[in-house]
Amino acid sequence: MLLIQNLKVIVDKQLILNKLNLKIKKGEIHAIMGPNGSGKSTLADTLSGKKHCIISSGKILFKKINLSQLTPEERAGEGIFIAFQYPMEIPGINNKTFLHTSVNAVRKYQNKPHLDIFNFSQIYKKNLNLLNISESFMQRSLNMGFSGGEKKRNEILQMITLQPSLCILDEIDSGLDIDSLKNIANCINMLRDKNRAFIIITHYQRILNYILPDYVHILNKGKIIQSGSFELVKHIEEYGYG
């Protein structure tokens, strides 16, 4: 599904990702860990198509498509979803309008019929129940005045409604209490199937206790320096990255 080869990315004239290599197959969950400043969020930003991330060499193939040639909107249409570490606040656009528009933009790209408000409402109401979110949540401006936990649950709501094929979750566990963490983990596990893959970027073991990854990678100084199973997470938790 995703193949990254010898990727070098420059941000603000600094080399952040340095010959990074990663291969992800359908149905797999990959956890990426590493100390602050190692390049984890830059990897997510690069995959999403943020303009400040300049690819100087290497390649990213998503479903054998050269990702660098696609706009962020086209990447979303192809099935990439990013849950950002710091979701943007947008006043004046409520959650319901934003999500309905997003769903139909992706459906249009994929040559699927427009989803009217009645059918869309049936889908998002079911997803609200899964996340224990009240319907009044949908009338609020996008992320405005939201707590950290509410913003993260809103990202997951978007993910389970859009049904992407590659889900990239950048520190989705930060700012969550244990109940919200379990709730989000349950939704991620519910989406897990043989055709969908996940990249979970995190600092901590706790979310991986509920979402068992197939692979764990340690990112440091812009490249993956070690890969392994969940046992690698336990080792880091006990001994640190040193």
C-alpha atoms as a PDB file:
ATOM      1  CA  MET A   1       0.000   0.000   0.000  1.00  0.00           C
ATOM      2  CA  LEU A   2       2.760   2.452   0.957  1.00  0.00           C
ATOM      3  CA  LEU A   3       6.392   2.354  -0.080  1.00  0.00           C
ATOM      4  CA  ILE A   4       8.870   5.004   1.054  1.00  0.00           C
ATOM      5  CA  GLN A   5      12.391   4.750  -0.316  1.00  0.00           C
ATOM      6  CA  ASN A   6      15.432   6.826   0.682  1.00  0.00           C
ATOM      7  CA  LEU A   7      13.220   9.815   1.491  1.00  0.00           C
ATOM      8  CA  LYS A   8      14.900  13.119   2.275  1.00  0.00           C
ATOM      9  CA  VAL A   9      12.705  16.019   3.391  1.00  0.00           C
ATOM     10  CA  ILE A  10      13.786  19.583   4.094  1.00  0.00           C
ATOM     11  CA  VAL A  11      11.814  21.938   6.339  1.00  0.00           C
ATOM     12  CA  ASP A  12      12.930  25.568   6.743  1.00  0.00           C
ATOM     13  CA  LYS A  13      16.253  24.745   5.036  1.00  0.00           C
ATOM     14  CA  GLN A  14      16.959  21.945   7.530  1.00  0.00           C
ATOM     15  CA  LEU A  15      17.187  18.254   6.659  1.00  0.00           C
ATOM     16  CA  ILE A  16      14.550  16.567   8.833  1.00  0.00           C
ATOM     17  CA  LEU A  17      13.980  13.183   7.161  1.00  0.00           C
ATOM     18  CA  ASN A  18      17.213  11.579   6.027  1.00  0.00           C
ATOM     19  CA  LYS A  19      17.040   8.490   3.788  1.00  0.00           C
ATOM     20  CA  LEU A  20      13.918   7.159   5.481  1.00  0.00           C
ATOM     21  CA  ASN A  21      12.632   3.779   4.300  1.00  0.00           C
ATOM     22  CA  LEU A  22       9.265   2.214   5.151  1.00  0.00           C
ATOM     23  CA  LYS A  23       7.021  -0.423   3.595  1.00  0.00           C
ATOM     24  CA  ILE A  24       3.409  -0.954   4.679  1.00  0.00           C
ATOM     25  CA  LYS A  25       1.097  -3.651   3.343  1.00  0.00           C
ATOM     26  CA  LYS A  26      -2.694  -3.778   3.420  1.00  0.00           C
ATOM     27  CA  GLY A  27      -4.133  -4.752   6.791  1.00  0.00           C
ATOM     28  CA  GLU A  28      -1.038  -3.798   8.796  1.00  0.00           C
ATOM     29  CA  ILE A  29      -0.685  -1.443  11.764  1.00  0.00           C
ATOM     30  CA  HIS A  30       2.706   0.240  12.123  1.00  0.00           C
ATOM     31  CA  ALA A  31       3.617   2.229  15.225  1.00  0.00           C
ATOM     32  CA  ILE A  32       6.292   4.903  14.890  1.00  0.00           C
ATOM     33  CA  MET A  33       8.012   6.087  18.046  1.00  0.00           C
ATOM     34  CA  GLY A  34      11.031   8.240  18.763  1.00  0.00           C
ATOM     35  CA  PRO A  35      12.329  11.175  20.814  1.00  0.00           C
ATOM     36  CA  ASN A  36      11.127  14.740  20.265  1.00  0.00           C
ATOM     37  CA  GLY A  37      12.485  16.284  17.065  1.00  0.00           C
ATOM     38  CA  SER A  38      13.156  12.950  15.381  1.00  0.00           C
ATOM     39  CA  GLY A  39      10.906  13.714  12.387  1.00  0.00           C
ATOM     40  CA  LYS A  40       7.691  11.850  13.253  1.00  0.00           C
ATOM     41  CA  SER A  41       5.280  14.733  12.596  1.00  0.00           C
ATOM     42  CA  THR A  42       7.273  15.771   9.521  1.00  0.00           C
ATOM     43  CA  LEU A  43       6.629  12.326   8.096  1.00  0.00           C
ATOM     44  CA  ALA A  44       2.861  12.780   8.639  1.00  0.00           C
ATOM     45  CA  ASP A  45       2.978  16.303   7.176  1.00  0.00           C
ATOM     46  CA  THR A  46       4.891  15.062   4.128  1.00  0.00           C
ATOM     47  CA  LEU A  47       2.378  12.288   3.494  1.00  0.00           C
ATOM     48  CA  SER A  48      -0.475  14.799   3.771  1.00  0.00           C
ATOM     49  CA  GLY A  49       1.161  17.115   1.219  1.00  0.00           C
ATOM     50  CA  LYS A  50       1.977  20.154   3.359  1.00  0.00           C
ATOM     51  CA  LYS A  51       3.900  22.626   1.230  1.00  0.00           C
ATOM     52  CA  HIS A  52       6.574  23.442   3.800  1.00  0.00           C
ATOM     53  CA  CYS A  53       7.842  19.840   3.583  1.00  0.00           C
ATOM     54  CA  ILE A  54      10.129  19.798   0.549  1.00  0.00           C
ATOM     55  CA  ILE A  55      11.131  16.381  -0.816  1.00  0.00           C
ATOM     56  CA  SER A  56      14.731  16.723  -1.987  1.00  0.00           C
ATOM     57  CA  SER A  57      15.218  13.071  -2.974  1.00  0.00           C
ATOM     58  CA  GLY A  58      13.679   9.626  -2.670  1.00  0.00           C
ATOM     59  CA  LYS A  59      10.115   8.607  -3.439  1.00  0.00           C
ATOM     60  CA  ILE A  60       6.760   7.825  -1.867  1.00  0.00           C
ATOM     61  CA  LEU A  61       4.443   5.400  -3.640  1.00  0.00           C
ATOM     62  CA  PHE A  62       0.863   4.969  -2.447  1.00  0.00           C
ATOM     63  CA  LYS A  63      -0.909   2.107  -4.234  1.00  0.00           C
ATOM     64  CA  LYS A  64       1.932   2.412  -6.781  1.00  0.00           C
ATOM     65  CA  ILE A  65       1.040   6.090  -7.406  1.00  0.00           C
ATOM     66  CA  ASN A  66       3.789   8.714  -6.996  1.00  0.00           C
ATOM     67  CA  LEU A  67       2.410  10.625  -4.025  1.00  0.00           C
ATOM     68  CA  SER A  68       4.531  13.732  -4.629  1.00  0.00           C
ATOM     69  CA  GLN A  69       2.546  14.417  -7.810  1.00  0.00           C
ATOM     70  CA  LEU A  70      -0.799  14.551  -5.966  1.00  0.00           C
ATOM     71  CA  THR A  71      -2.352  17.547  -4.193  1.00  0.00           C
ATOM     72  CA  PRO A  72      -3.622  17.115  -0.599  1.00  0.00           C
ATOM     73  CA  GLU A  73      -7.183  16.894  -1.969  1.00  0.00           C
ATOM     74  CA  GLU A  74      -6.196  14.161  -4.426  1.00  0.00           C
ATOM     75  CA  ARG A  75      -4.423  12.235  -1.670  1.00  0.00           C
ATOM     76  CA  ALA A  76      -7.616  12.345   0.394  1.00  0.00           C
ATOM     77  CA  GLY A  77      -9.559  11.146  -2.640  1.00  0.00           C
ATOM     78  CA  GLU A  78      -7.147   8.240  -3.095  1.00  0.00           C
ATOM     79  CA  GLY A  79      -7.827   7.177   0.488  1.00  0.00           C
ATOM     80  CA  ILE A  80      -5.241   8.844   2.759  1.00  0.00           C
ATOM     81  CA  PHE A  81      -6.429  10.313   6.053  1.00  0.00           C
ATOM     82  CA  ILE A  82      -4.295  12.275   8.526  1.00  0.00           C
ATOM     83  CA  ALA A  83      -5.357  12.870  12.123  1.00  0.00           C
ATOM     84  CA  PHE A  84      -3.173  15.833  13.017  1.00  0.00           C
ATOM     85  CA  GLN A  85      -1.373  16.372  16.291  1.00  0.00           C
ATOM     86  CA  TYR A  86      -2.762  19.924  16.443  1.00  0.00           C
ATOM     87  CA  PRO A  87      -6.089  20.078  14.534  1.00  0.00           C
ATOM     88  CA  MET A  88      -6.895  23.507  13.120  1.00  0.00           C
ATOM     89  CA  GLU A  89      -9.703  25.648  14.534  1.00  0.00           C
ATOM     90  CA  ILE A  90     -12.053  27.053  11.845  1.00  0.00           C
ATOM     91  CA  PRO A  91     -14.711  29.528  13.061  1.00  0.00           C
ATOM     92  CA  GLY A  92     -17.989  29.849  11.167  1.00  0.00           C
ATOM     93  CA  ILE A  93     -18.041  26.309   9.733  1.00  0.00           C
ATOM     94  CA  ASN A  94     -19.814  23.756  11.874  1.00  0.00           C
ATOM     95  CA  ASN A  95     -18.757  20.144  12.200  1.00  0.00           C
ATOM     96  CA  LYS A  96     -21.760  18.783  10.323  1.00  0.00           C
ATOM     97  CA  THR A  97     -21.246  20.991   7.252  1.00  0.00           C
ATOM     98  CA  PHE A  98     -17.512  20.331   7.212  1.00  0.00           C
ATOM     99  CA  LEU A  99     -17.901  16.565   7.431  1.00  0.00           C
ATOM    100  CA  HIS A 100     -20.756  16.380   4.897  1.00  0.00           C
ATOM    101  CA  THR A 101     -18.752  18.461   2.414  1.00  0.00           C
ATOM    102  CA  SER A 102     -15.636  16.357   2.994  1.00  0.00           C
ATOM    103  CA  VAL A 103     -17.479  13.079   2.442  1.00  0.00           C
ATOM    104  CA  ASN A 104     -19.000  14.288  -0.836  1.00  0.00           C
ATOM    105  CA  ALA A 105     -15.691  15.723  -2.061  1.00  0.00           C
ATOM    106  CA  VAL A 106     -14.079  12.302  -1.633  1.00  0.00           C
ATOM    107  CA  ARG A 107     -17.079  10.550  -3.189  1.00  0.00           C
ATOM    108  CA  LYS A 108     -16.940  12.882  -6.203  1.00  0.00           C
ATOM    109  CA  TYR A 109     -13.229  12.127  -6.674  1.00  0.00           C
ATOM    110  CA  GLN A 110     -14.013   8.393  -6.535  1.00  0.00           C
ATOM    111  CA  ASN A 111     -16.924   8.757  -9.025  1.00  0.00           C
ATOM    112  CA  LYS A 112     -19.502   7.820  -6.407  1.00  0.00           C
ATOM    113  CA  PRO A 113     -22.965   9.433  -6.174  1.00  0.00           C
ATOM    114  CA  HIS A 114     -23.588  12.491  -3.993  1.00  0.00           C
ATOM    115  CA  LEU A 115     -24.758  11.678  -0.463  1.00  0.00           C
ATOM    116  CA  ASP A 116     -27.792  13.754   0.522  1.00  0.00           C
ATOM    117  CA  ILE A 117     -28.168  15.171   4.026  1.00  0.00           C
ATOM    118  CA  PHE A 118     -30.671  12.484   5.084  1.00  0.00           C
ATOM    119  CA  ASN A 119     -28.415   9.551   4.242  1.00  0.00           C
ATOM    120  CA  PHE A 120     -25.360  11.374   5.553  1.00  0.00           C
ATOM    121  CA  SER A 121     -27.134  12.037   8.880  1.00  0.00           C
ATOM    122  CA  GLN A 122     -27.809   8.337   9.318  1.00  0.00           C
ATOM    123  CA  ILE A 123     -24.107   7.590   8.922  1.00  0.00           C
ATOM    124  CA  TYR A 124     -22.716  10.282  11.220  1.00  0.00           C
ATOM    125  CA  LYS A 125     -25.308   9.643  13.958  1.00  0.00           C
ATOM    126  CA  LYS A 126     -24.206   6.017  14.123  1.00  0.00           C
ATOM    127  CA  ASN A 127     -20.580   7.158  14.360  1.00  0.00           C
ATOM    128  CA  LEU A 128     -21.430   9.684  17.092  1.00  0.00           C
ATOM    129  CA  ASN A 129     -22.820   6.828  19.157  1.00  0.00           C
ATOM    130  CA  LEU A 130     -19.644   4.806  18.675  1.00  0.00           C
ATOM    131  CA  LEU A 131     -17.585   7.684  20.083  1.00  0.00           C
ATOM    132  CA  ASN A 132     -20.075   8.681  22.811  1.00  0.00           C
ATOM    133  CA  ILE A 133     -20.453  12.163  21.291  1.00  0.00           C
ATOM    134  CA  SER A 134     -23.704  14.129  21.587  1.00  0.00           C
ATOM    135  CA  GLU A 135     -25.385  15.421  18.411  1.00  0.00           C
ATOM    136  CA  SER A 136     -25.017  19.027  19.634  1.00  0.00           C
ATOM    137  CA  PHE A 137     -21.293  18.539  18.986  1.00  0.00           C
ATOM    138  CA  MET A 138     -22.004  18.679  15.245  1.00  0.00           C
ATOM    139  CA  GLN A 139     -23.452  22.202  15.445  1.00  0.00           C
ATOM    140  CA  ARG A 140     -20.282  23.690  16.961  1.00  0.00           C
ATOM    141  CA  SER A 141     -17.706  25.499  14.832  1.00  0.00           C
ATOM    142  CA  LEU A 142     -14.928  23.155  13.754  1.00  0.00           C
ATOM    143  CA  ASN A 143     -12.643  22.598  16.766  1.00  0.00           C
ATOM    144  CA  MET A 144     -13.451  26.072  18.184  1.00  0.00           C
ATOM    145  CA  GLY A 145     -13.287  25.994  21.964  1.00  0.00           C
ATOM    146  CA  PHE A 146     -12.762  22.240  21.938  1.00  0.00           C
ATOM    147  CA  SER A 147     -10.678  20.581  24.625  1.00  0.00           C
ATOM    148  CA  GLY A 148      -7.671  18.564  23.492  1.00  0.00           C
ATOM    149  CA  GLY A 149      -9.652  15.364  23.933  1.00  0.00           C
ATOM    150  CA  GLU A 150     -12.630  16.701  21.951  1.00  0.00           C
ATOM    151  CA  LYS A 151     -10.363  17.656  19.054  1.00  0.00           C
ATOM    152  CA  LYS A 152      -8.889  14.169  18.977  1.00  0.00           C
ATOM    153  CA  ARG A 153     -12.305  12.505  19.078  1.00  0.00           C
ATOM    154  CA  ASN A 154     -13.398  14.799  16.252  1.00  0.00           C
ATOM    155  CA  GLU A 155     -10.457  13.577  14.163  1.00  0.00           C
ATOM    156  CA  ILE A 156     -11.521   9.973  14.759  1.00  0.00           C
ATOM    157  CA  LEU A 157     -15.126  10.859  13.880  1.00  0.00           C
ATOM    158  CA  GLN A 158     -13.890  12.198  10.543  1.00  0.00           C
ATOM    159  CA  MET A 159     -11.812   9.070   9.990  1.00  0.00           C
ATOM    160  CA  ILE A 160     -14.578   6.536  10.618  1.00  0.00           C
ATOM    161  CA  THR A 161     -16.992   8.573   8.482  1.00  0.00           C
ATOM    162  CA  LEU A 162     -14.602   8.989   5.523  1.00  0.00           C
ATOM    163  CA  GLN A 163     -13.510   5.312   5.630  1.00  0.00           C
ATOM    164  CA  PRO A 164      -9.958   5.845   4.245  1.00  0.00           C
ATOM    165  CA  SER A 165      -7.606   3.031   3.225  1.00  0.00           C
ATOM    166  CA  LEU A 166      -4.521   4.502   4.950  1.00  0.00           C
ATOM    167  CA  CYS A 167      -5.007   6.155   8.350  1.00  0.00           C
ATOM    168  CA  ILE A 168      -2.113   8.192   9.753  1.00  0.00           C
ATOM    169  CA  LEU A 169      -2.663   9.145  13.395  1.00  0.00           C
ATOM    170  CA  ASP A 170      -0.190  11.711  14.734  1.00  0.00           C
ATOM    171  CA  GLU A 171      -0.208  11.496  18.543  1.00  0.00           C
ATOM    172  CA  ILE A 172      -3.926  10.798  18.645  1.00  0.00           C
ATOM    173  CA  ASP A 173      -3.483   9.696  22.273  1.00  0.00           C
ATOM    174  CA  SER A 174      -2.127  12.997  23.622  1.00  0.00           C
ATOM    175  CA  GLY A 175      -4.479  14.851  25.958  1.00  0.00           C
ATOM    176  CA  LEU A 176      -6.870  11.911  26.365  1.00  0.00           C
ATOM    177  CA  ASP A 177      -8.128  10.491  29.630  1.00  0.00           C
ATOM    178  CA  ILE A 178      -8.230   6.704  29.943  1.00  0.00           C
ATOM    179  CA  ASP A 179     -11.919   6.395  28.997  1.00  0.00           C
ATOM    180  CA  SER A 180     -11.507   8.497  25.833  1.00  0.00           C
ATOM    181  CA  LEU A 181      -8.358   6.556  24.969  1.00  0.00           C
ATOM    182  CA  LYS A 182     -10.166   3.212  25.212  1.00  0.00           C
ATOM    183  CA  ASN A 183     -13.091   4.591  23.205  1.00  0.00           C
ATOM    184  CA  ILE A 184     -10.833   5.791  20.376  1.00  0.00           C
ATOM    185  CA  ALA A 185      -8.844   2.550  20.441  1.00  0.00           C
ATOM    186  CA  ASN A 186     -12.080   0.567  20.068  1.00  0.00           C
ATOM    187  CA  CYS A 187     -13.025   2.634  16.989  1.00  0.00           C
ATOM    188  CA  ILE A 188      -9.596   2.077  15.443  1.00  0.00           C
ATOM    189  CA  ASN A 189      -9.818  -1.669  16.093  1.00  0.00           C
ATOM    190  CA  MET A 190     -13.308  -1.689  14.578  1.00  0.00           C
ATOM    191  CA  LEU A 191     -11.913  -0.170  11.342  1.00  0.00           C
ATOM    192  CA  ARG A 192      -9.054  -2.634  11.224  1.00  0.00           C
ATOM    193  CA  ASP A 193      -9.429  -5.035   8.302  1.00  0.00           C
ATOM    194  CA  LYS A 194      -7.366  -6.766   5.612  1.00  0.00           C
ATOM    195  CA  ASN A 195      -7.625  -3.811   3.189  1.00  0.00           C
ATOM    196  CA  ARG A 196      -6.911  -0.878   5.532  1.00  0.00           C
ATOM    197  CA  ALA A 197      -3.557   0.105   7.035  1.00  0.00           C
ATOM    198  CA  PHE A 198      -2.592   2.380   9.921  1.00  0.00           C
ATOM    199  CA  ILE A 199       0.425   4.428  10.937  1.00  0.00           C
ATOM    200  CA  ILE A 200       0.222   5.342  14.625  1.00  0.00           C
ATOM    201  CA  ILE A 201       2.729   7.979  15.730  1.00  0.00           C
ATOM    202  CA  THR A 202       3.086   8.064  19.500  1.00  0.00           C
ATOM    203  CA  HIS A 203       5.438   8.652  22.418  1.00  0.00           C
ATOM    204  CA  TYR A 204       3.808   6.218  24.785  1.00  0.00           C
ATOM    205  CA  GLN A 205       2.979   2.556  25.189  1.00  0.00           C
ATOM    206  CA  ARG A 206      -0.530   3.074  26.552  1.00  0.00           C
ATOM    207  CA  ILE A 207      -2.441   3.364  23.251  1.00  0.00           C
ATOM    208  CA  LEU A 208      -0.514   0.381  21.884  1.00  0.00           C
ATOM    209  CA  ASN A 209      -1.797  -1.693  24.823  1.00  0.00           C
ATOM    210  CA  TYR A 210      -5.239  -1.438  23.194  1.00  0.00           C
ATOM    211  CA  ILE A 211      -4.195  -1.447  19.516  1.00  0.00           C
ATOM    212  CA  LEU A 212      -1.609  -4.154  19.064  1.00  0.00           C
ATOM    213  CA  PRO A 213       0.688  -3.093  16.196  1.00  0.00           C
ATOM    214  CA  ASP A 214       2.159  -5.514  13.689  1.00  0.00           C
ATOM    215  CA  TYR A 215       5.404  -3.541  13.609  1.00  0.00           C
ATOM    216  CA  VAL A 216       7.083  -0.920  15.773  1.00  0.00           C
ATOM    217  CA  HIS A 217       9.678   1.453  14.297  1.00  0.00           C
ATOM    218  CA  ILE A 218      12.041   3.768  16.141  1.00  0.00           C
ATOM    219  CA  LEU A 219      12.669   7.021  14.301  1.00  0.00           C
ATOM    220  CA  ASN A 220      15.728   9.055  15.233  1.00  0.00           C
ATOM    221  CA  LYS A 221      17.479  11.878  13.388  1.00  0.00           C
ATOM    222  CA  GLY A 222      15.200  11.463  10.415  1.00  0.00           C
ATOM    223  CA  LYS A 223      15.561   7.750   9.771  1.00  0.00           C
ATOM    224  CA  ILE A 224      14.271   4.459  11.143  1.00  0.00           C
ATOM    225  CA  ILE A 225      17.069   2.998  13.233  1.00  0.00           C
ATOM    226  CA  GLN A 226      15.303  -0.096  14.553  1.00  0.00           C
ATOM    227  CA  SER A 227      12.134  -2.093  13.868  1.00  0.00           C
ATOM    228  CA  GLY A 228      10.504  -4.896  15.797  1.00  0.00           C
ATOM    229  CA  SER A 229       7.375  -6.242  17.452  1.00  0.00           C
ATOM    230  CA  PHE A 230       5.441  -4.960  20.473  1.00  0.00           C
ATOM    231  CA  GLU A 231       8.334  -6.212  22.631  1.00  0.00           C
ATOM    232  CA  LEU A 232      10.318  -3.224  21.363  1.00  0.00           C
ATOM    233  CA  VAL A 233       7.719  -0.881  22.906  1.00  0.00           C
ATOM    234  CA  LYS A 234       8.107  -2.602  26.276  1.00  0.00           C
ATOM    235  CA  HIS A 235      11.877  -2.215  26.057  1.00  0.00           C
ATOM    236  CA  ILE A 236      11.575   1.526  25.376  1.00  0.00           C
ATOM    237  CA  GLU A 237       9.088   1.952  28.196  1.00  0.00           C
ATOM    238  CA  GLU A 238      11.536   0.383  30.612  1.00  0.00           C
ATOM    239  CA  TYR A 239      14.860   1.723  29.389  1.00  0.00           C
ATOM    240  CA  GLY A 240      14.032   4.816  27.291  1.00  0.00           C
ATOM    241  CA  TYR A 241      15.431   5.650  23.865  1.00  0.00           C
ATOM    242  CA  GLY A 242      19.008   5.909  25.108  1.00  0.00           C
END
